[in-house]
């Protein structure tokens, strides 16, 4: 059953390229660069075949390549599977989570600032119009009281000034709102990208932990097999004595 299962789990290089979305040329290149971490078997005709173990390593390499890690850093992390640096991925995750928290905090502060500015603009517009109306009313009342013949002209002049000032202020407010909205959209886009990268990173960490657990279990089985072998030899020796 085990041998049949292993045969079923073998993949050609085209299957691996399609499944992991890695170009065939990159797979061949990685086979040389990272030969210490996986070995590709070949059929009698020379075709490459990959097992589940090779696919697991290739998935981890692709995840780290997508994060623009150098080959040296990538091999260092892969080496940590059997070495003393098992806490490296957790350190990277902590730094990544900190940056993500900073971006989320910045986005929340931006939203609050937008709301505050919008409310202040609306209040300023109302107070400005009210003040202009009151000033115009006072000036008109003064001119009427003096009986000045130019009152009508001044009223028209003040009216045009109020209208022009209101239109200019309204245009400036709309321009500011559009700039604030565009800035908020950029922050939301950035947050979405960060969340996507965080999801990829979590997948990588999960894959790493599973691989580490599998390696640990395999080492324990080897140790147990070794001691059982020694015990069996000792028993045979005692029996002959």
Protein backbone atom coordinates (compact mmCIF):
# COMPACT_ATOMS: atom_id res chain seq x y z
CA UNK A 1 0.00 0.00 0.00
CA UNK A 2 2.81 2.44 0.87
CA UNK A 3 4.64 1.83 -2.40
CA UNK A 4 1.41 2.30 -4.41
CA UNK A 5 0.70 5.55 -2.58
CA UNK A 6 4.18 6.90 -3.33
CA UNK A 7 3.77 6.13 -7.01
CA UNK A 8 0.47 8.01 -7.06
CA UNK A 9 2.11 11.04 -5.42
CA UNK A 10 4.75 11.51 -8.11
CA UNK A 11 4.40 14.52 -10.44
CA UNK A 12 6.05 15.59 -13.66
CA UNK A 13 7.73 18.98 -13.95
CA UNK A 14 4.74 20.29 -15.93
CA UNK A 15 2.36 19.14 -13.19
CA UNK A 16 4.44 20.94 -10.55
CA UNK A 17 4.68 24.09 -12.68
CA UNK A 18 0.90 24.18 -13.12
CA UNK A 19 0.07 23.32 -9.50
CA UNK A 20 2.48 25.78 -7.86
CA UNK A 21 2.36 28.40 -10.66
CA UNK A 22 6.15 28.31 -11.08
CA UNK A 23 7.76 28.49 -14.56
CA UNK A 24 9.53 25.35 -15.69
CA UNK A 25 12.75 27.33 -16.13
CA UNK A 26 12.61 28.48 -12.50
CA UNK A 27 12.09 24.90 -11.29
CA UNK A 28 15.19 23.75 -13.15
CA UNK A 29 17.19 26.70 -11.79
CA UNK A 30 16.05 26.10 -8.19
CA UNK A 31 17.01 22.45 -8.56
CA UNK A 32 20.65 23.59 -8.86
CA UNK A 33 20.60 26.54 -6.44
CA UNK A 34 18.81 24.66 -3.63
CA UNK A 35 20.10 21.14 -4.32
CA UNK A 36 20.90 20.68 -0.61
CA UNK A 37 17.22 20.89 0.31
CA UNK A 38 15.55 18.67 -2.28
CA UNK A 39 16.64 16.14 -4.90
CA UNK A 40 14.59 15.52 -8.02
CA UNK A 41 14.42 11.91 -9.17
CA UNK A 42 14.42 10.92 -12.83
CA UNK A 43 12.79 8.17 -14.81
CA UNK A 44 14.71 5.79 -17.07
CA UNK A 45 14.04 8.15 -19.94
CA UNK A 46 15.54 11.07 -17.98
CA UNK A 47 12.27 12.88 -17.15
CA UNK A 48 12.06 14.67 -13.81
CA UNK A 49 9.58 13.40 -11.20
CA UNK A 50 8.68 15.13 -7.94
CA UNK A 51 7.25 13.72 -4.71
CA UNK A 52 5.29 15.38 -1.91
CA UNK A 53 8.51 16.20 -0.02
CA UNK A 54 9.90 18.10 -3.00
CA UNK A 55 6.59 19.94 -3.46
CA UNK A 56 6.65 21.01 0.19
CA UNK A 57 10.12 22.53 -0.16
CA UNK A 58 9.20 24.21 -3.45
CA UNK A 59 6.10 25.77 -1.85
CA UNK A 60 8.25 27.29 0.90
CA UNK A 61 10.79 28.56 -1.63
CA UNK A 62 8.06 30.17 -3.72
CA UNK A 63 6.48 31.88 -0.69
CA UNK A 64 9.81 33.38 0.33
CA UNK A 65 10.67 34.30 -3.27
CA UNK A 66 7.34 36.17 -3.48
CA UNK A 67 8.50 38.18 -0.44
CA UNK A 68 11.69 39.16 -2.33
CA UNK A 69 13.98 37.32 0.09
CA UNK A 70 17.52 36.73 -1.20
CA UNK A 71 18.76 33.22 -1.91
CA UNK A 72 21.14 33.48 1.06
CA UNK A 73 18.33 34.39 3.47
CA UNK A 74 16.10 31.71 1.96
CA UNK A 75 18.72 29.00 2.46
CA UNK A 76 19.36 30.25 5.99
CA UNK A 77 15.68 29.80 6.85
CA UNK A 78 15.56 26.36 5.21
CA UNK A 79 18.66 25.34 7.17
CA UNK A 80 16.87 26.33 10.37
CA UNK A 81 14.58 23.31 9.98
CA UNK A 82 17.33 21.09 11.47
CA UNK A 83 19.44 23.71 13.25
CA UNK A 84 19.25 25.90 16.31
CA UNK A 85 17.59 28.86 14.57
CA UNK A 86 14.02 27.63 14.66
CA UNK A 87 12.77 30.92 16.02
CA UNK A 88 13.77 32.92 12.90
CA UNK A 89 10.32 32.72 11.21
CA UNK A 90 8.66 33.86 14.46
CA UNK A 91 10.99 36.88 14.60
CA UNK A 92 10.16 37.74 11.00
CA UNK A 93 6.46 37.35 11.75
CA UNK A 94 6.76 39.69 14.77
CA UNK A 95 8.40 42.39 12.69
CA UNK A 96 5.78 41.91 9.99
CA UNK A 97 2.91 42.10 12.48
CA UNK A 98 4.38 45.32 13.94
CA UNK A 99 4.49 47.00 10.53
CA UNK A 100 0.97 45.86 9.84
CA UNK A 101 -0.25 47.28 13.17
CA UNK A 102 1.40 50.62 12.38
CA UNK A 103 -0.35 50.78 9.01
CA UNK A 104 -3.73 49.92 10.53
CA UNK A 105 -3.23 52.61 13.20
CA UNK A 106 -2.28 55.16 10.53
CA UNK A 107 -5.36 54.26 8.51
CA UNK A 108 -7.63 54.71 11.54
CA UNK A 109 -6.05 58.07 12.33
CA UNK A 110 -6.55 59.17 8.71
CA UNK A 111 -10.24 58.25 8.80
CA UNK A 112 -10.71 60.23 12.02
CA UNK A 113 -8.85 63.21 10.54
CA UNK A 114 -11.06 63.12 7.43
CA UNK A 115 -14.20 63.11 9.53
CA UNK A 116 -12.90 65.99 11.68
CA UNK A 117 -11.91 68.10 8.66
CA UNK A 118 -15.24 67.48 6.91
CA UNK A 119 -17.17 68.53 10.02
CA UNK A 120 -14.97 71.62 10.46
CA UNK A 121 -15.47 72.62 6.81
CA UNK A 122 -19.23 72.35 7.08
CA UNK A 123 -19.21 74.40 10.30
CA UNK A 124 -16.87 77.00 8.74
CA UNK A 125 -19.08 77.35 5.68
CA UNK A 126 -22.19 77.94 7.79
CA UNK A 127 -20.48 80.44 10.09
CA UNK A 128 -18.91 82.31 7.17
CA UNK A 129 -22.20 82.75 5.35
CA UNK A 130 -23.89 83.81 8.56
CA UNK A 131 -21.22 86.41 9.31
CA UNK A 132 -21.32 87.83 5.77
CA UNK A 133 -25.10 88.11 5.89
CA UNK A 134 -24.98 89.89 9.23
CA UNK A 135 -22.29 92.28 8.01
CA UNK A 136 -24.22 93.00 4.84
CA UNK A 137 -27.39 93.62 6.81
CA UNK A 138 -25.64 96.08 9.11
CA UNK A 139 -24.11 97.97 6.20
CA UNK A 140 -27.45 98.18 4.40
CA UNK A 141 -29.17 99.43 7.53
CA UNK A 142 -26.50 102.14 7.94
CA UNK A 143 -26.88 103.29 4.35
CA UNK A 144 -30.66 103.37 4.59
CA UNK A 145 -30.44 105.38 7.80
CA UNK A 146 -28.14 107.94 6.15
CA UNK A 147 -30.40 108.17 3.16
CA UNK A 148 -27.42 107.80 0.88
CA UNK A 149 -28.36 107.52 -2.79
CA UNK A 150 -25.69 104.92 -3.45
CA UNK A 151 -27.31 102.33 -1.14
CA UNK A 152 -28.72 100.28 -3.98
CA UNK A 153 -25.34 100.10 -5.71
CA UNK A 154 -23.60 99.03 -2.52
CA UNK A 155 -26.19 96.34 -1.94
CA UNK A 156 -25.57 94.91 -5.39
CA UNK A 157 -21.79 95.12 -4.91
CA UNK A 158 -21.94 93.36 -1.54
CA UNK A 159 -24.29 90.75 -2.98
CA UNK A 160 -21.89 89.93 -5.81
CA UNK A 161 -18.99 89.74 -3.39
CA UNK A 162 -20.88 87.36 -1.14
CA UNK A 163 -21.84 85.14 -4.08
CA UNK A 164 -18.30 85.10 -5.48
CA UNK A 165 -16.78 84.39 -2.08
CA UNK A 166 -19.29 81.59 -1.42
CA UNK A 167 -18.63 79.95 -4.79
CA UNK A 168 -14.86 80.13 -4.30
CA UNK A 169 -15.12 78.66 -0.80
CA UNK A 170 -17.46 75.92 -2.01
CA UNK A 171 -15.04 74.94 -4.78
CA UNK A 172 -12.12 74.83 -2.35
CA UNK A 173 -14.11 72.66 0.06
CA UNK A 174 -15.05 70.21 -2.73
CA UNK A 175 -11.43 70.04 -3.89
CA UNK A 176 -10.25 69.30 -0.36
CA UNK A 177 -12.90 66.60 0.09
CA UNK A 178 -11.80 64.89 -3.15
CA UNK A 179 -8.16 64.95 -2.05
CA UNK A 180 -9.08 63.48 1.33
CA UNK A 181 -11.21 60.77 -0.32
CA UNK A 182 -8.38 59.85 -2.71
CA UNK A 183 -5.94 59.62 0.20
CA UNK A 184 -8.35 57.38 2.11
CA UNK A 185 -8.73 55.08 -0.92
CA UNK A 186 -4.95 54.77 -1.14
CA UNK A 187 -4.76 53.84 2.55
CA UNK A 188 -7.47 51.18 2.10
CA UNK A 189 -5.62 49.76 -0.93
CA UNK A 190 -2.42 49.58 1.10
CA UNK A 191 -4.25 47.84 3.94
CA UNK A 192 -5.68 45.27 1.51
CA UNK A 193 -2.21 44.51 0.13
CA UNK A 194 -0.83 44.12 3.64
CA UNK A 195 -3.64 41.71 4.54
CA UNK A 196 -2.91 39.64 1.41
CA UNK A 197 0.79 39.47 2.28
CA UNK A 198 -0.05 38.59 5.85
CA UNK A 199 -2.21 35.68 4.63
CA UNK A 200 0.66 34.41 2.45
CA UNK A 201 3.05 34.73 5.37
CA UNK A 202 0.72 32.82 7.69
CA UNK A 203 0.57 30.03 5.08
CA UNK A 204 4.36 29.98 5.00
CA UNK A 205 4.64 29.82 8.80
CA UNK A 206 2.08 27.01 8.95
CA UNK A 207 3.93 25.10 6.24
CA UNK A 208 7.22 25.62 8.07
CA UNK A 209 5.84 24.36 11.38
CA UNK A 210 4.33 21.28 9.75
CA UNK A 211 7.65 20.53 8.05
CA UNK A 212 9.56 21.00 11.30
CA UNK A 213 7.14 18.70 13.14
CA UNK A 214 7.50 16.04 10.43
CA UNK A 215 11.30 16.21 10.58
CA UNK A 216 11.22 16.00 14.38
CA UNK A 217 8.97 12.94 14.24
CA UNK A 218 11.24 11.29 11.66
CA UNK A 219 14.31 11.88 13.84
CA UNK A 220 12.53 10.37 16.85
CA UNK A 221 11.61 7.28 14.83
CA UNK A 222 15.24 6.89 13.72
CA UNK A 223 16.46 7.13 17.29
CA UNK A 224 13.88 4.56 18.42
CA UNK A 225 14.83 2.21 15.58
CA UNK A 226 18.50 2.59 16.46
CA UNK A 227 18.03 1.71 20.13
CA UNK A 228 15.69 -1.17 19.30
CA UNK A 229 18.38 -2.52 16.97
CA UNK A 230 20.99 -2.31 19.72
CA UNK A 231 18.63 -4.02 22.17
CA UNK A 232 17.93 -6.80 19.68
CA UNK A 233 21.64 -7.43 19.12
CA UNK A 234 22.25 -7.49 22.86
CA UNK A 235 19.48 -10.04 23.38
CA UNK A 236 20.90 -12.25 20.64
CA UNK A 237 24.32 -12.04 22.25
CA UNK A 238 22.95 -12.95 25.68
CA UNK A 239 21.01 -15.87 24.19
CA UNK A 240 24.16 -17.33 22.65
CA UNK A 241 25.99 -17.01 25.97
